[in-house]
């Protein structure tokens, strides 16, 4: 009887180790930054844009933009686009009459306006 009890304890221990390794493996594939509900929507037209506005900096009363890793001022060029203007949240670029407005906050929408 003692041998049977010892065998069942070993079997339970092995089973518990297998279960824990399975759970640990499934946790490793879980993305903790993934939203719990819903999915993120991305504007597909902007998804393939070769220009990426990374940040805007205010220096000496002038705005500068970091686009594709390059610090640019008004009048500079990147990938054939000339920087027309830079404001606090966006940069306007022009190339042969085509205008592109890059924004830091692409998903921002005014949902409701409250009057006081």
C-alpha atoms as a PDB file:
ATOM      1  CA  UNK A   1       0.000   0.000   0.000  1.00  0.00           C
ATOM      2  CA  UNK A   2       2.836   2.372   0.799  1.00  0.00           C
ATOM      3  CA  UNK A   3       4.309   1.760  -2.686  1.00  0.00           C
ATOM      4  CA  UNK A   4       0.928   2.554  -4.282  1.00  0.00           C
ATOM      5  CA  UNK A   5       0.658   5.775  -2.271  1.00  0.00           C
ATOM      6  CA  UNK A   6       4.237   6.702  -3.223  1.00  0.00           C
ATOM      7  CA  UNK A   7       3.433   6.019  -6.914  1.00  0.00           C
ATOM      8  CA  UNK A   8       0.298   8.172  -6.855  1.00  0.00           C
ATOM      9  CA  UNK A   9       2.214  11.027  -5.226  1.00  0.00           C
ATOM     10  CA  UNK A  10       4.854  10.815  -7.957  1.00  0.00           C
ATOM     11  CA  UNK A  11       2.162  10.703 -10.618  1.00  0.00           C
ATOM     12  CA  UNK A  12       0.415  13.731  -9.103  1.00  0.00           C
ATOM     13  CA  UNK A  13       3.718  15.606  -8.904  1.00  0.00           C
ATOM     14  CA  UNK A  14       4.541  14.848 -12.540  1.00  0.00           C
ATOM     15  CA  UNK A  15       1.033  15.813 -13.632  1.00  0.00           C
ATOM     16  CA  UNK A  16       1.263  19.077 -11.682  1.00  0.00           C
ATOM     17  CA  UNK A  17       4.651  19.924 -13.245  1.00  0.00           C
ATOM     18  CA  UNK A  18       3.265  19.262 -16.735  1.00  0.00           C
ATOM     19  CA  UNK A  19       0.226  21.458 -16.043  1.00  0.00           C
ATOM     20  CA  UNK A  20       2.375  24.279 -14.694  1.00  0.00           C
ATOM     21  CA  UNK A  21       4.704  24.149 -17.685  1.00  0.00           C
ATOM     22  CA  UNK A  22       1.684  24.330 -20.023  1.00  0.00           C
ATOM     23  CA  UNK A  23       0.260  27.345 -18.167  1.00  0.00           C
ATOM     24  CA  UNK A  24       3.655  29.092 -18.122  1.00  0.00           C
ATOM     25  CA  UNK A  25       4.026  28.507 -21.852  1.00  0.00           C
ATOM     26  CA  UNK A  26       0.565  29.927 -22.595  1.00  0.00           C
ATOM     27  CA  UNK A  27       1.281  33.000 -20.440  1.00  0.00           C
ATOM     28  CA  UNK A  28       4.495  33.639 -22.382  1.00  0.00           C
ATOM     29  CA  UNK A  29       2.484  34.088 -25.596  1.00  0.00           C
ATOM     30  CA  UNK A  30      -0.006  36.505 -23.993  1.00  0.00           C
ATOM     31  CA  UNK A  31       0.454  40.180 -24.830  1.00  0.00           C
ATOM     32  CA  UNK A  32      -0.153  42.234 -21.653  1.00  0.00           C
ATOM     33  CA  UNK A  33      -0.592  45.444 -23.680  1.00  0.00           C
ATOM     34  CA  UNK A  34      -3.414  44.026 -25.803  1.00  0.00           C
ATOM     35  CA  UNK A  35      -6.791  45.669 -25.087  1.00  0.00           C
ATOM     36  CA  UNK A  36      -9.233  43.440 -23.224  1.00  0.00           C
ATOM     37  CA  UNK A  37     -12.231  44.396 -25.356  1.00  0.00           C
ATOM     38  CA  UNK A  38     -12.619  45.502 -28.950  1.00  0.00           C
ATOM     39  CA  UNK A  39      -9.952  45.919 -31.562  1.00  0.00           C
ATOM     40  CA  UNK A  40      -7.926  48.890 -32.673  1.00  0.00           C
ATOM     41  CA  UNK A  41      -8.960  50.420 -35.973  1.00  0.00           C
ATOM     42  CA  UNK A  42      -6.346  51.796 -38.312  1.00  0.00           C
ATOM     43  CA  UNK A  43      -6.930  54.033 -41.280  1.00  0.00           C
ATOM     44  CA  UNK A  44      -5.609  51.851 -44.121  1.00  0.00           C
ATOM     45  CA  UNK A  45      -4.769  54.848 -46.308  1.00  0.00           C
ATOM     46  CA  UNK A  46      -2.322  56.131 -43.689  1.00  0.00           C
ATOM     47  CA  UNK A  47      -1.001  52.675 -42.846  1.00  0.00           C
ATOM     48  CA  UNK A  48       1.153  52.497 -45.991  1.00  0.00           C
ATOM     49  CA  UNK A  49       2.523  56.046 -45.793  1.00  0.00           C
ATOM     50  CA  UNK A  50       6.342  56.141 -46.029  1.00  0.00           C
ATOM     51  CA  UNK A  51       6.353  59.264 -43.835  1.00  0.00           C
ATOM     52  CA  UNK A  52       6.064  58.892 -40.071  1.00  0.00           C
ATOM     53  CA  UNK A  53       5.757  61.893 -37.763  1.00  0.00           C
ATOM     54  CA  UNK A  54       7.464  60.817 -34.552  1.00  0.00           C
ATOM     55  CA  UNK A  55       7.458  63.999 -32.460  1.00  0.00           C
ATOM     56  CA  UNK A  56       7.279  67.793 -32.580  1.00  0.00           C
ATOM     57  CA  UNK A  57       9.719  69.991 -30.665  1.00  0.00           C
ATOM     58  CA  UNK A  58       9.473  73.707 -29.915  1.00  0.00           C
ATOM     59  CA  UNK A  59      12.912  75.309 -30.028  1.00  0.00           C
ATOM     60  CA  UNK A  60      13.630  79.057 -30.050  1.00  0.00           C
ATOM     61  CA  UNK A  61       9.933  79.926 -30.618  1.00  0.00           C
ATOM     62  CA  UNK A  62       9.906  77.634 -33.695  1.00  0.00           C
ATOM     63  CA  UNK A  63       8.453  74.165 -34.139  1.00  0.00           C
ATOM     64  CA  UNK A  64      10.610  71.351 -35.485  1.00  0.00           C
ATOM     65  CA  UNK A  65       9.382  67.895 -36.472  1.00  0.00           C
ATOM     66  CA  UNK A  66      11.065  64.518 -36.335  1.00  0.00           C
ATOM     67  CA  UNK A  67       9.913  62.675 -39.456  1.00  0.00           C
ATOM     68  CA  UNK A  68      11.406  59.269 -40.305  1.00  0.00           C
ATOM     69  CA  UNK A  69      14.092  59.865 -37.680  1.00  0.00           C
ATOM     70  CA  UNK A  70      15.233  63.231 -39.107  1.00  0.00           C
ATOM     71  CA  UNK A  71      14.891  66.575 -37.318  1.00  0.00           C
ATOM     72  CA  UNK A  72      13.267  68.952 -39.818  1.00  0.00           C
ATOM     73  CA  UNK A  73      12.341  72.628 -39.859  1.00  0.00           C
ATOM     74  CA  UNK A  74       9.962  74.515 -42.126  1.00  0.00           C
ATOM     75  CA  UNK A  75      11.408  74.452 -45.670  1.00  0.00           C
ATOM     76  CA  UNK A  76      13.408  71.222 -45.216  1.00  0.00           C
ATOM     77  CA  UNK A  77      12.752  68.156 -47.385  1.00  0.00           C
ATOM     78  CA  UNK A  78      12.271  64.452 -46.721  1.00  0.00           C
ATOM     79  CA  UNK A  79      11.628  61.789 -49.411  1.00  0.00           C
ATOM     80  CA  UNK A  80      10.928  64.541 -51.935  1.00  0.00           C
ATOM     81  CA  UNK A  81       8.317  66.261 -49.730  1.00  0.00           C
ATOM     82  CA  UNK A  82       8.957  69.843 -48.606  1.00  0.00           C
ATOM     83  CA  UNK A  83       7.877  70.796 -45.079  1.00  0.00           C
ATOM     84  CA  UNK A  84       5.374  73.624 -45.592  1.00  0.00           C
ATOM     85  CA  UNK A  85       4.415  74.198 -41.948  1.00  0.00           C
ATOM     86  CA  UNK A  86       4.712  72.674 -38.482  1.00  0.00           C
ATOM     87  CA  UNK A  87       2.318  73.301 -35.619  1.00  0.00           C
ATOM     88  CA  UNK A  88       1.955  71.898 -32.124  1.00  0.00           C
ATOM     89  CA  UNK A  89       0.196  68.666 -33.272  1.00  0.00           C
ATOM     90  CA  UNK A  90       0.891  68.242 -36.989  1.00  0.00           C
ATOM     91  CA  UNK A  91       3.146  68.900 -39.963  1.00  0.00           C
ATOM     92  CA  UNK A  92       2.055  69.797 -43.493  1.00  0.00           C
ATOM     93  CA  UNK A  93       4.191  68.484 -46.371  1.00  0.00           C
ATOM     94  CA  UNK A  94       3.906  69.210 -50.107  1.00  0.00           C
ATOM     95  CA  UNK A  95       5.262  67.335 -53.133  1.00  0.00           C
ATOM     96  CA  UNK A  96       4.308  68.391 -56.684  1.00  0.00           C
ATOM     97  CA  UNK A  97       0.935  69.759 -55.579  1.00  0.00           C
ATOM     98  CA  UNK A  98       0.119  66.792 -53.309  1.00  0.00           C
ATOM     99  CA  UNK A  99      -0.433  67.831 -49.687  1.00  0.00           C
ATOM    100  CA  UNK A 100       0.054  65.455 -46.764  1.00  0.00           C
ATOM    101  CA  UNK A 101      -0.849  66.365 -43.210  1.00  0.00           C
ATOM    102  CA  UNK A 102       0.960  64.219 -40.651  1.00  0.00           C
ATOM    103  CA  UNK A 103      -0.560  64.297 -37.188  1.00  0.00           C
ATOM    104  CA  UNK A 104       0.655  63.122 -33.796  1.00  0.00           C
ATOM    105  CA  UNK A 105      -2.867  62.223 -32.720  1.00  0.00           C
ATOM    106  CA  UNK A 106      -4.515  60.499 -35.688  1.00  0.00           C
ATOM    107  CA  UNK A 107      -7.316  58.860 -33.706  1.00  0.00           C
ATOM    108  CA  UNK A 108      -8.435  62.016 -31.890  1.00  0.00           C
ATOM    109  CA  UNK A 109     -12.094  62.910 -32.431  1.00  0.00           C
ATOM    110  CA  UNK A 110     -14.301  65.396 -30.628  1.00  0.00           C
ATOM    111  CA  UNK A 111     -17.152  63.276 -29.335  1.00  0.00           C
ATOM    112  CA  UNK A 112     -19.198  65.819 -27.409  1.00  0.00           C
ATOM    113  CA  UNK A 113     -18.907  69.527 -26.798  1.00  0.00           C
ATOM    114  CA  UNK A 114     -20.117  70.772 -23.433  1.00  0.00           C
ATOM    115  CA  UNK A 115     -21.178  74.404 -23.023  1.00  0.00           C
ATOM    116  CA  UNK A 116     -20.852  76.049 -19.628  1.00  0.00           C
END
